[in-house]
Amino acid sequence: MSLDDQHREMLIFTKKLGEWNKRVGAALDAFRWSHDNLDALWQGFDRDDYSSRWRAFEDQMSTCVNRDGPGFEEFLRHRAEALRRYLHG
């Protein structure tokens, strides 16, 4: 695979990663909405365990959606731009 091919594939991958990040963000928003609507209704004995697990899950997913995903996209955009400059001046 030539560097031109790699550059093209990097741009495609970066675009698909951005689309995936948006879908994950939308899914997390929908999950939060469902959680918020059901949360007040549940007063069972496993409530504290569930709340603890929910907070950990939400924190990890929020980090993925708000920091890691966009950070990877930005990194790839910079790398693709550097490769473009190398290839085409």
Protein backbone atom coordinates (compact mmCIF):
# COMPACT_ATOMS: atom_id res chain seq x y z
CA MET A 1 0.00 0.00 0.00
CA SER A 2 1.44 3.33 -1.04
CA LEU A 3 1.52 6.39 1.21
CA ASP A 4 -1.14 7.97 -1.02
CA ASP A 5 -3.35 4.95 -0.37
CA GLN A 6 -2.65 5.17 3.34
CA HIS A 7 -3.53 8.86 3.35
CA ARG A 8 -6.82 8.17 1.60
CA GLU A 9 -7.62 5.32 4.02
CA MET A 10 -6.70 7.51 6.99
CA LEU A 11 -9.17 10.17 5.85
CA ILE A 12 -11.91 7.55 5.38
CA PHE A 13 -11.20 6.05 8.80
CA THR A 14 -11.21 9.49 10.46
CA LYS A 15 -14.60 10.26 8.92
CA LYS A 16 -16.03 6.89 10.01
CA LEU A 17 -14.62 7.37 13.52
CA GLY A 18 -16.37 10.74 13.73
CA GLU A 19 -19.66 9.17 12.64
CA TRP A 20 -19.22 6.37 15.17
CA ASN A 21 -18.45 8.86 17.95
CA LYS A 22 -21.66 10.75 17.13
CA ARG A 23 -23.71 7.54 17.24
CA VAL A 24 -22.18 6.56 20.57
CA GLY A 25 -22.95 10.03 21.93
CA ALA A 26 -26.57 9.81 20.74
CA ALA A 27 -26.91 6.33 22.25
CA LEU A 28 -25.52 7.57 25.56
CA ASP A 29 -27.98 10.50 25.53
CA ALA A 30 -30.88 8.08 24.91
CA PHE A 31 -29.62 5.78 27.65
CA ARG A 32 -29.35 8.72 30.07
CA TRP A 33 -32.91 9.77 29.22
CA SER A 34 -34.18 6.25 29.94
CA HIS A 35 -32.14 6.05 33.12
CA ASP A 36 -33.42 9.41 34.35
CA ASN A 37 -37.03 8.45 33.69
CA LEU A 38 -36.76 5.10 35.48
CA ASP A 39 -34.38 6.11 38.24
CA ALA A 40 -36.97 7.71 40.49
CA LEU A 41 -39.25 4.69 40.22
CA TRP A 42 -36.79 2.13 41.50
CA GLN A 43 -36.38 1.79 45.24
CA GLY A 44 -35.38 -1.89 45.38
CA PHE A 45 -32.76 -3.51 47.55
CA ASP A 46 -30.14 -3.50 44.76
CA ARG A 47 -30.56 0.23 44.24
CA ASP A 48 -27.22 1.30 45.72
CA ASP A 49 -25.28 -1.28 43.72
CA TYR A 50 -27.03 -0.23 40.52
CA SER A 51 -26.42 3.47 41.21
CA SER A 52 -22.74 2.82 41.78
CA ARG A 53 -22.44 0.84 38.55
CA TRP A 54 -24.43 3.45 36.62
CA ARG A 55 -22.17 6.27 37.78
CA ALA A 56 -19.03 4.33 36.82
CA PHE A 57 -20.50 3.45 33.41
CA GLU A 58 -21.69 6.99 32.76
CA ASP A 59 -18.31 8.44 33.75
CA GLN A 60 -16.44 6.09 31.43
CA MET A 61 -18.79 6.66 28.53
CA SER A 62 -18.79 10.43 29.04
CA THR A 63 -15.00 10.37 28.91
CA CYS A 64 -15.11 8.34 25.72
CA VAL A 65 -17.69 10.61 24.05
CA ASN A 66 -16.39 13.98 25.24
CA ARG A 67 -12.63 13.49 25.44
CA ASP A 68 -11.22 10.27 24.00
CA GLY A 69 -13.24 10.06 20.79
CA PRO A 70 -12.73 13.69 19.77
CA GLY A 71 -9.08 13.44 20.81
CA PHE A 72 -8.49 10.46 18.52
CA GLU A 73 -10.23 12.26 15.67
CA GLU A 74 -8.08 15.35 16.18
CA PHE A 75 -4.91 13.23 16.34
CA LEU A 76 -5.81 11.51 13.08
CA ARG A 77 -6.63 14.81 11.37
CA HIS A 78 -3.21 16.17 12.36
CA ARG A 79 -1.46 13.01 11.17
CA ALA A 80 -3.38 13.06 7.88
CA GLU A 81 -2.48 16.71 7.34
CA ALA A 82 1.18 16.01 8.06
CA LEU A 83 1.13 13.11 5.60
CA ARG A 84 -0.60 15.28 2.99
CA ARG A 85 2.09 17.96 3.35
CA TYR A 86 4.80 15.31 3.05
CA LEU A 87 3.25 13.83 -0.07
CA HIS A 88 2.13 16.97 -1.86
CA GLY A 89 4.13 19.78 -0.34
